[in-house]
């Protein structure tokens, strides 16, 4: 990292989560120059879903947004249509 590059700060909520046999890497982070938190969820195919507009005011709010997506849309929300068909979702 050079002096011009901002530091990436990961939340303690960053973790690998398994839901109904589906594994997701959940990253919640911000940079040292921007106070807004970003939610990034990567599925087992490497597909990312990023929620950053608007950025979250706190890391716990980003985690709650992840929980809300799971509760309302289920794991399908983290797969594209091709991946959903492949998995039979």
PDB file of N, CA and C in Angstrom:
ATOM      1  N   UNK A   1       0.843  -1.168   0.000  1.00  0.00           N
ATOM      2  CA  UNK A   1       0.000   0.000   0.000  1.00  0.00           C
ATOM      3  C   UNK A   1       0.896   1.241   0.000  1.00  0.00           C
ATOM      4  N   UNK A   2       0.599   2.180  -0.875  1.00  0.00           N
ATOM      5  CA  UNK A   2       1.344   3.428  -0.904  1.00  0.00           C
ATOM      6  C   UNK A   2       0.673   4.437   0.012  1.00  0.00           C
ATOM      7  N   UNK A   3       1.340   5.555   0.213  1.00  0.00           N
ATOM      8  CA  UNK A   3       0.790   6.590   1.092  1.00  0.00           C
ATOM      9  C   UNK A   3      -0.507   7.168   0.548  1.00  0.00           C
ATOM     10  N   UNK A   4      -0.719   7.110  -0.771  1.00  0.00           N
ATOM     11  CA  UNK A   4      -1.919   7.671  -1.391  1.00  0.00           C
ATOM     12  C   UNK A   4      -3.124   6.741  -1.301  1.00  0.00           C
ATOM     13  N   UNK A   5      -2.895   5.469  -1.054  1.00  0.00           N
ATOM     14  CA  UNK A   5      -3.981   4.502  -0.999  1.00  0.00           C
ATOM     15  C   UNK A   5      -4.593   4.470   0.399  1.00  0.00           C
ATOM     16  N   UNK A   6      -5.929   4.512   0.476  1.00  0.00           N
ATOM     17  CA  UNK A   6      -6.559   4.452   1.792  1.00  0.00           C
ATOM     18  C   UNK A   6      -6.458   3.048   2.390  1.00  0.00           C
ATOM     19  N   UNK A   7      -6.441   2.990   3.688  1.00  0.00           N
ATOM     20  CA  UNK A   7      -6.436   1.709   4.404  1.00  0.00           C
ATOM     21  C   UNK A   7      -7.853   1.131   4.379  1.00  0.00           C
ATOM     22  N   UNK A   8      -7.959  -0.171   4.194  1.00  0.00           N
ATOM     23  CA  UNK A   8      -9.255  -0.850   4.257  1.00  0.00           C
ATOM     24  C   UNK A   8      -9.412  -1.393   5.667  1.00  0.00           C
ATOM     25  N   UNK A   9     -10.527  -1.055   6.291  1.00  0.00           N
ATOM     26  CA  UNK A   9     -10.805  -1.456   7.671  1.00  0.00           C
ATOM     27  C   UNK A   9     -11.970  -2.438   7.650  1.00  0.00           C
ATOM     28  N   UNK A  10     -11.708  -3.673   8.090  1.00  0.00           N
ATOM     29  CA  UNK A  10     -12.739  -4.700   8.109  1.00  0.00           C
ATOM     30  C   UNK A  10     -13.448  -4.717   9.462  1.00  0.00           C
ATOM     31  N   UNK A  11     -14.737  -4.919   9.418  1.00  0.00           N
ATOM     32  CA  UNK A  11     -15.559  -5.014  10.621  1.00  0.00           C
ATOM     33  C   UNK A  11     -15.373  -6.380  11.283  1.00  0.00           C
ATOM     34  N   UNK A  12     -15.669  -6.428  12.556  1.00  0.00           N
ATOM     35  CA  UNK A  12     -15.674  -7.717  13.267  1.00  0.00           C
ATOM     36  C   UNK A  12     -16.807  -8.611  12.782  1.00  0.00           C
ATOM     37  N   UNK A  13     -17.748  -8.062  12.032  1.00  0.00           N
ATOM     38  CA  UNK A  13     -18.848  -8.854  11.467  1.00  0.00           C
ATOM     39  C   UNK A  13     -18.437  -9.588  10.196  1.00  0.00           C
ATOM     40  N   UNK A  14     -17.274  -9.306   9.656  1.00  0.00           N
ATOM     41  CA  UNK A  14     -16.773 -10.007   8.478  1.00  0.00           C
ATOM     42  C   UNK A  14     -16.560 -11.473   8.845  1.00  0.00           C
ATOM     43  N   UNK A  15     -17.162 -12.364   8.045  1.00  0.00           N
ATOM     44  CA  UNK A  15     -17.097 -13.790   8.374  1.00  0.00           C
ATOM     45  C   UNK A  15     -17.596 -14.645   7.217  1.00  0.00           C
ATOM     46  N   UNK A  16     -17.352 -15.947   7.317  1.00  0.00           N
ATOM     47  CA  UNK A  16     -17.929 -16.919   6.404  1.00  0.00           C
ATOM     48  C   UNK A  16     -19.190 -17.466   7.065  1.00  0.00           C
ATOM     49  N   UNK A  17     -20.267 -17.494   6.293  1.00  0.00           N
ATOM     50  CA  UNK A  17     -21.566 -17.898   6.816  1.00  0.00           C
ATOM     51  C   UNK A  17     -22.077 -19.069   5.987  1.00  0.00           C
ATOM     52  N   UNK A  18     -22.661 -20.067   6.650  1.00  0.00           N
ATOM     53  CA  UNK A  18     -23.304 -21.177   5.961  1.00  0.00           C
ATOM     54  C   UNK A  18     -24.792 -21.138   6.278  1.00  0.00           C
ATOM     55  N   UNK A  19     -25.597 -21.087   5.215  1.00  0.00           N
ATOM     56  CA  UNK A  19     -27.053 -21.052   5.362  1.00  0.00           C
ATOM     57  C   UNK A  19     -27.622 -22.155   4.492  1.00  0.00           C
ATOM     58  N   UNK A  20     -28.276 -23.120   5.110  1.00  0.00           N
ATOM     59  CA  UNK A  20     -28.875 -24.248   4.379  1.00  0.00           C
ATOM     60  C   UNK A  20     -27.877 -24.899   3.425  1.00  0.00           C
ATOM     61  N   UNK A  21     -26.627 -25.045   3.860  1.00  0.00           N
ATOM     62  CA  UNK A  21     -25.605 -25.698   3.055  1.00  0.00           C
ATOM     63  C   UNK A  21     -24.920 -24.796   2.039  1.00  0.00           C
ATOM     64  N   UNK A  22     -25.303 -23.549   1.971  1.00  0.00           N
ATOM     65  CA  UNK A  22     -24.695 -22.586   1.048  1.00  0.00           C
ATOM     66  C   UNK A  22     -23.693 -21.730   1.816  1.00  0.00           C
ATOM     67  N   UNK A  23     -22.484 -21.624   1.265  1.00  0.00           N
ATOM     68  CA  UNK A  23     -21.412 -20.884   1.940  1.00  0.00           C
ATOM     69  C   UNK A  23     -21.237 -19.507   1.303  1.00  0.00           C
ATOM     70  N   UNK A  24     -21.171 -18.501   2.151  1.00  0.00           N
ATOM     71  CA  UNK A  24     -20.995 -17.120   1.701  1.00  0.00           C
ATOM     72  C   UNK A  24     -19.892 -16.450   2.508  1.00  0.00           C
ATOM     73  N   UNK A  25     -19.068 -15.683   1.816  1.00  0.00           N
ATOM     74  CA  UNK A  25     -18.080 -14.843   2.486  1.00  0.00           C
ATOM     75  C   UNK A  25     -18.696 -13.455   2.602  1.00  0.00           C
ATOM     76  N   UNK A  26     -18.984 -13.052   3.831  1.00  0.00           N
ATOM     77  CA  UNK A  26     -19.600 -11.754   4.097  1.00  0.00           C
ATOM     78  C   UNK A  26     -18.505 -10.818   4.579  1.00  0.00           C
ATOM     79  N   UNK A  27     -18.275  -9.758   3.822  1.00  0.00           N
ATOM     80  CA  UNK A  27     -17.290  -8.756   4.218  1.00  0.00           C
ATOM     81  C   UNK A  27     -17.994  -7.431   4.448  1.00  0.00           C
ATOM     82  N   UNK A  28     -17.707  -6.828   5.565  1.00  0.00           N
ATOM     83  CA  UNK A  28     -18.211  -5.500   5.891  1.00  0.00           C
ATOM     84  C   UNK A  28     -16.972  -4.653   6.156  1.00  0.00           C
ATOM     85  N   UNK A  29     -16.826  -3.587   5.382  1.00  0.00           N
ATOM     86  CA  UNK A  29     -15.597  -2.810   5.470  1.00  0.00           C
ATOM     87  C   UNK A  29     -15.833  -1.359   5.086  1.00  0.00           C
ATOM     88  N   UNK A  30     -14.848  -0.540   5.417  1.00  0.00           N
ATOM     89  CA  UNK A  30     -14.816   0.859   5.004  1.00  0.00           C
ATOM     90  C   UNK A  30     -13.369   1.219   4.744  1.00  0.00           C
ATOM     91  N   UNK A  31     -13.156   2.397   4.211  1.00  0.00           N
ATOM     92  CA  UNK A  31     -11.782   2.852   4.014  1.00  0.00           C
ATOM     93  C   UNK A  31     -11.457   3.911   5.057  1.00  0.00           C
ATOM     94  N   UNK A  32     -10.189   4.177   5.192  1.00  0.00           N
ATOM     95  CA  UNK A  32      -9.745   5.166   6.175  1.00  0.00           C
ATOM     96  C   UNK A  32     -10.142   6.587   5.790  1.00  0.00           C
ATOM     97  N   UNK A  33     -10.576   6.803   4.548  1.00  0.00           N
ATOM     98  CA  UNK A  33     -10.967   8.152   4.123  1.00  0.00           C
ATOM     99  C   UNK A  33     -12.474   8.322   3.972  1.00  0.00           C
ATOM    100  N   UNK A  34     -13.242   7.233   4.132  1.00  0.00           N
ATOM    101  CA  UNK A  34     -14.697   7.305   3.971  1.00  0.00           C
ATOM    102  C   UNK A  34     -15.353   6.598   5.155  1.00  0.00           C
ATOM    103  N   UNK A  35     -16.223   7.276   5.891  1.00  0.00           N
ATOM    104  CA  UNK A  35     -16.820   6.659   7.079  1.00  0.00           C
ATOM    105  C   UNK A  35     -17.944   5.654   6.776  1.00  0.00           C
ATOM    106  N   UNK A  36     -18.391   5.578   5.516  1.00  0.00           N
ATOM    107  CA  UNK A  36     -19.488   4.673   5.172  1.00  0.00           C
ATOM    108  C   UNK A  36     -19.035   3.235   5.038  1.00  0.00           C
ATOM    109  N   UNK A  37     -19.837   2.323   5.598  1.00  0.00           N
ATOM    110  CA  UNK A  37     -19.529   0.885   5.552  1.00  0.00           C
ATOM    111  C   UNK A  37     -20.149   0.266   4.313  1.00  0.00           C
ATOM    112  N   UNK A  38     -19.485  -0.733   3.757  1.00  0.00           N
ATOM    113  CA  UNK A  38     -19.919  -1.447   2.559  1.00  0.00           C
ATOM    114  C   UNK A  38     -20.155  -2.909   2.934  1.00  0.00           C
ATOM    115  N   UNK A  39     -21.231  -3.477   2.392  1.00  0.00           N
ATOM    116  CA  UNK A  39     -21.546  -4.892   2.576  1.00  0.00           C
ATOM    117  C   UNK A  39     -21.251  -5.612   1.273  1.00  0.00           C
ATOM    118  N   UNK A  40     -20.426  -6.633   1.331  1.00  0.00           N
ATOM    119  CA  UNK A  40     -20.066  -7.429   0.165  1.00  0.00           C
ATOM    120  C   UNK A  40     -20.285  -8.901   0.508  1.00  0.00           C
ATOM    121  N   UNK A  41     -21.055  -9.593  -0.336  1.00  0.00           N
ATOM    122  CA  UNK A  41     -21.333 -11.010  -0.110  1.00  0.00           C
ATOM    123  C   UNK A  41     -20.895 -11.779  -1.357  1.00  0.00           C
ATOM    124  N   UNK A  42     -20.009 -12.750  -1.161  1.00  0.00           N
ATOM    125  CA  UNK A  42     -19.515 -13.573  -2.267  1.00  0.00           C
ATOM    126  C   UNK A  42     -20.019 -14.996  -2.086  1.00  0.00           C
ATOM    127  N   UNK A  43     -20.632 -15.549  -3.154  1.00  0.00           N
ATOM    128  CA  UNK A  43     -21.110 -16.934  -3.076  1.00  0.00           C
ATOM    129  C   UNK A  43     -20.008 -17.899  -3.503  1.00  0.00           C
ATOM    130  N   UNK A  44     -20.314 -19.201  -3.500  1.00  0.00           N
ATOM    131  CA  UNK A  44     -19.297 -20.208  -3.785  1.00  0.00           C
ATOM    132  C   UNK A  44     -18.831 -20.197  -5.234  1.00  0.00           C
ATOM    133  N   UNK A  45     -19.566 -19.510  -6.120  1.00  0.00           N
ATOM    134  CA  UNK A  45     -19.146 -19.384  -7.513  1.00  0.00           C
ATOM    135  C   UNK A  45     -18.243 -18.164  -7.721  1.00  0.00           C
ATOM    136  N   UNK A  46     -18.075 -17.362  -6.676  1.00  0.00           N
ATOM    137  CA  UNK A  46     -17.252 -16.163  -6.777  1.00  0.00           C
ATOM    138  C   UNK A  46     -18.031 -14.931  -7.198  1.00  0.00           C
ATOM    139  N   UNK A  47     -19.351 -15.050  -7.281  1.00  0.00           N
ATOM    140  CA  UNK A  47     -20.190 -13.916  -7.647  1.00  0.00           C
ATOM    141  C   UNK A  47     -20.375 -13.017  -6.432  1.00  0.00           C
ATOM    142  N   UNK A  48     -20.185 -11.713  -6.648  1.00  0.00           N
ATOM    143  CA  UNK A  48     -20.301 -10.736  -5.566  1.00  0.00           C
ATOM    144  C   UNK A  48     -21.622  -9.983  -5.645  1.00  0.00           C
ATOM    145  N   UNK A  49     -22.188  -9.739  -4.489  1.00  0.00           N
ATOM    146  CA  UNK A  49     -23.299  -8.802  -4.357  1.00  0.00           C
ATOM    147  C   UNK A  49     -22.802  -7.737  -3.390  1.00  0.00           C
ATOM    148  N   UNK A  50     -22.788  -6.490  -3.848  1.00  0.00           N
ATOM    149  CA  UNK A  50     -22.252  -5.403  -3.032  1.00  0.00           C
ATOM    150  C   UNK A  50     -23.344  -4.375  -2.791  1.00  0.00           C
ATOM    151  N   UNK A  51     -23.513  -4.020  -1.520  1.00  0.00           N
ATOM    152  CA  UNK A  51     -24.453  -2.973  -1.137  1.00  0.00           C
ATOM    153  C   UNK A  51     -23.642  -1.810  -0.583  1.00  0.00           C
ATOM    154  N   UNK A  52     -23.617  -0.722  -1.342  1.00  0.00           N
ATOM    155  CA  UNK A  52     -22.828   0.426  -0.912  1.00  0.00           C
ATOM    156  C   UNK A  52     -23.468   1.761  -1.275  1.00  0.00           C
ATOM    157  N   UNK A  53     -24.702   1.730  -1.735  1.00  0.00           N
ATOM    158  CA  UNK A  53     -25.346   2.968  -2.145  1.00  0.00           C
ATOM    159  C   UNK A  53     -26.743   3.049  -1.553  1.00  0.00           C
ATOM    160  N   UNK A  54     -26.982   3.808  -0.518  1.00  0.00           N
ATOM    161  CA  UNK A  54     -25.953   4.588   0.169  1.00  0.00           C
ATOM    162  C   UNK A  54     -25.130   3.689   1.087  1.00  0.00           C
ATOM    163  N   UNK A  55     -23.951   4.163   1.468  1.00  0.00           N
ATOM    164  CA  UNK A  55     -23.153   3.376   2.422  1.00  0.00           C
ATOM    165  C   UNK A  55     -23.838   3.346   3.784  1.00  0.00           C
ATOM    166  N   UNK A  56     -23.557   2.325   4.543  1.00  0.00           N
ATOM    167  CA  UNK A  56     -24.157   2.165   5.864  1.00  0.00           C
ATOM    168  C   UNK A  56     -23.425   3.045   6.877  1.00  0.00           C
ATOM    169  N   UNK A  57     -24.173   3.616   7.814  1.00  0.00           N
ATOM    170  CA  UNK A  57     -23.579   4.492   8.830  1.00  0.00           C
ATOM    171  C   UNK A  57     -22.805   3.719   9.889  1.00  0.00           C
ATOM    172  N   UNK A  58     -23.068   2.421   9.999  1.00  0.00           N
ATOM    173  CA  UNK A  58     -22.358   1.593  10.967  1.00  0.00           C
ATOM    174  C   UNK A  58     -22.250   0.168  10.467  1.00  0.00           C
ATOM    175  N   UNK A  59     -21.252  -0.553  10.955  1.00  0.00           N
ATOM    176  CA  UNK A  59     -21.076  -1.937  10.517  1.00  0.00           C
ATOM    177  C   UNK A  59     -22.226  -2.824  10.954  1.00  0.00           C
ATOM    178  N   UNK A  60     -22.814  -2.546  12.116  1.00  0.00           N
ATOM    179  CA  UNK A  60     -23.946  -3.356  12.571  1.00  0.00           C
ATOM    180  C   UNK A  60     -25.151  -3.152  11.648  1.00  0.00           C
ATOM    181  N   UNK A  61     -25.295  -1.970  11.087  1.00  0.00           N
ATOM    182  CA  UNK A  61     -26.389  -1.726  10.143  1.00  0.00           C
ATOM    183  C   UNK A  61     -26.182  -2.521   8.849  1.00  0.00           C
ATOM    184  N   UNK A  62     -24.943  -2.642   8.421  1.00  0.00           N
ATOM    185  CA  UNK A  62     -24.642  -3.460   7.247  1.00  0.00           C
ATOM    186  C   UNK A  62     -24.948  -4.930   7.535  1.00  0.00           C
ATOM    187  N   UNK A  63     -24.586  -5.406   8.724  1.00  0.00           N
ATOM    188  CA  UNK A  63     -24.882  -6.794   9.099  1.00  0.00           C
ATOM    189  C   UNK A  63     -26.390  -7.028   9.148  1.00  0.00           C
ATOM    190  N   UNK A  64     -27.121  -6.084   9.703  1.00  0.00           N
ATOM    191  CA  UNK A  64     -28.585  -6.213   9.757  1.00  0.00           C
ATOM    192  C   UNK A  64     -29.188  -6.233   8.359  1.00  0.00           C
ATOM    193  N   UNK A  65     -28.604  -5.489   7.430  1.00  0.00           N
ATOM    194  CA  UNK A  65     -29.078  -5.508   6.042  1.00  0.00           C
ATOM    195  C   UNK A  65     -28.874  -6.901   5.444  1.00  0.00           C
ATOM    196  N   UNK A  66     -27.726  -7.528   5.741  1.00  0.00           N
ATOM    197  CA  UNK A  66     -27.478  -8.897   5.283  1.00  0.00           C
ATOM    198  C   UNK A  66     -28.538  -9.838   5.848  1.00  0.00           C
ATOM    199  N   UNK A  67     -28.796  -9.739   7.144  1.00  0.00           N
ATOM    200  CA  UNK A  67     -29.805 -10.594   7.778  1.00  0.00           C
ATOM    201  C   UNK A  67     -31.187 -10.376   7.172  1.00  0.00           C
ATOM    202  N   UNK A  68     -31.519  -9.137   6.859  1.00  0.00           N
ATOM    203  CA  UNK A  68     -32.816  -8.819   6.261  1.00  0.00           C
ATOM    204  C   UNK A  68     -32.947  -9.441   4.870  1.00  0.00           C
ATOM    205  N   UNK A  69     -31.884  -9.377   4.082  1.00  0.00           N
ATOM    206  CA  UNK A  69     -31.907  -9.995   2.752  1.00  0.00           C
ATOM    207  C   UNK A  69     -32.148 -11.490   2.874  1.00  0.00           C
ATOM    208  N   UNK A  70     -31.444 -12.130   3.785  1.00  0.00           N
ATOM    209  CA  UNK A  70     -31.608 -13.577   3.987  1.00  0.00           C
ATOM    210  C   UNK A  70     -33.032 -13.887   4.432  1.00  0.00           C
ATOM    211  N   UNK A  71     -33.546 -13.106   5.365  1.00  0.00           N
ATOM    212  CA  UNK A  71     -34.896 -13.335   5.895  1.00  0.00           C
ATOM    213  C   UNK A  71     -35.960 -13.133   4.816  1.00  0.00           C
ATOM    214  N   UNK A  72     -35.833 -12.080   4.023  1.00  0.00           N
ATOM    215  CA  UNK A  72     -36.875 -11.742   3.050  1.00  0.00           C
ATOM    216  C   UNK A  72     -36.732 -12.471   1.714  1.00  0.00           C
ATOM    217  N   UNK A  73     -35.498 -12.678   1.246  1.00  0.00           N
ATOM    218  CA  UNK A  73     -35.291 -13.244  -0.087  1.00  0.00           C
ATOM    219  C   UNK A  73     -34.627 -14.613  -0.081  1.00  0.00           C
ATOM    220  N   UNK A  74     -34.078 -15.012   1.059  1.00  0.00           N
ATOM    221  CA  UNK A  74     -33.386 -16.289   1.139  1.00  0.00           C
ATOM    222  C   UNK A  74     -32.046 -16.258   0.413  1.00  0.00           C
ATOM    223  N   UNK A  75     -31.429 -17.421   0.297  1.00  0.00           N
ATOM    224  CA  UNK A  75     -30.102 -17.505  -0.311  1.00  0.00           C
ATOM    225  C   UNK A  75     -30.126 -17.181  -1.797  1.00  0.00           C
ATOM    226  N   UNK A  76     -31.286 -17.290  -2.442  1.00  0.00           N
ATOM    227  CA  UNK A  76     -31.402 -16.956  -3.870  1.00  0.00           C
ATOM    228  C   UNK A  76     -30.872 -15.559  -4.177  1.00  0.00           C
ATOM    229  N   UNK A  77     -31.007 -14.660  -3.222  1.00  0.00           N
ATOM    230  CA  UNK A  77     -30.606 -13.267  -3.433  1.00  0.00           C
ATOM    231  C   UNK A  77     -29.124 -13.136  -3.759  1.00  0.00           C
ATOM    232  N   UNK A  78     -28.331 -14.117  -3.407  1.00  0.00           N
ATOM    233  CA  UNK A  78     -26.891 -14.034  -3.583  1.00  0.00           C
ATOM    234  C   UNK A  78     -26.385 -14.821  -4.790  1.00  0.00           C
ATOM    235  N   UNK A  79     -27.311 -15.308  -5.604  1.00  0.00           N
ATOM    236  CA  UNK A  79     -26.963 -16.045  -6.818  1.00  0.00           C
ATOM    237  C   UNK A  79     -27.608 -15.381  -8.025  1.00  0.00           C
ATOM    238  N   UNK A  80     -26.918 -15.417  -9.171  1.00  0.00           N
ATOM    239  CA  UNK A  80     -27.554 -14.947 -10.397  1.00  0.00           C
ATOM    240  C   UNK A  80     -28.457 -16.047 -10.939  1.00  0.00           C
ATOM    241  N   UNK A  81     -29.193 -15.757 -12.000  1.00  0.00           N
ATOM    242  CA  UNK A  81     -30.181 -16.719 -12.511  1.00  0.00           C
ATOM    243  C   UNK A  81     -29.542 -18.020 -12.976  1.00  0.00           C
ATOM    244  N   UNK A  82     -28.395 -17.947 -13.618  1.00  0.00           N
ATOM    245  CA  UNK A  82     -27.712 -19.163 -14.079  1.00  0.00           C
ATOM    246  C   UNK A  82     -27.316 -20.036 -12.893  1.00  0.00           C
ATOM    247  N   UNK A  83     -26.784 -19.412 -11.858  1.00  0.00           N
ATOM    248  CA  UNK A  83     -26.386 -20.164 -10.664  1.00  0.00           C
ATOM    249  C   UNK A  83     -27.597 -20.740  -9.953  1.00  0.00           C
ATOM    250  N   UNK A  84     -28.701 -20.007  -9.919  1.00  0.00           N
ATOM    251  CA  UNK A  84     -29.927 -20.511  -9.301  1.00  0.00           C
ATOM    252  C   UNK A  84     -30.410 -21.772 -10.021  1.00  0.00           C
ATOM    253  N   UNK A  85     -30.380 -21.745 -11.364  1.00  0.00           N
ATOM    254  CA  UNK A  85     -30.808 -22.931 -12.127  1.00  0.00           C
ATOM    255  C   UNK A  85     -29.866 -24.110 -11.864  1.00  0.00           C
ATOM    256  N   UNK A  86     -28.569 -23.823 -11.826  1.00  0.00           N
ATOM    257  CA  UNK A  86     -27.578 -24.880 -11.581  1.00  0.00           C
ATOM    258  C   UNK A  86     -27.810 -25.543 -10.220  1.00  0.00           C
ATOM    259  N   UNK A  87     -28.207 -24.736  -9.237  1.00  0.00           N
ATOM    260  CA  UNK A  87     -28.420 -25.252  -7.882  1.00  0.00           C
ATOM    261  C   UNK A  87     -29.838 -25.737  -7.633  1.00  0.00           C
ATOM    262  N   UNK A  88     -30.722 -25.498  -8.601  1.00  0.00           N
ATOM    263  CA  UNK A  88     -32.111 -25.908  -8.434  1.00  0.00           C
ATOM    264  C   UNK A  88     -32.881 -25.045  -7.444  1.00  0.00           C
ATOM    265  N   UNK A  89     -32.566 -23.771  -7.405  1.00  0.00           N
ATOM    266  CA  UNK A  89     -33.238 -22.856  -6.465  1.00  0.00           C
ATOM    267  C   UNK A  89     -34.440 -22.186  -7.114  1.00  0.00           C
TER     268      UNK A  89
END
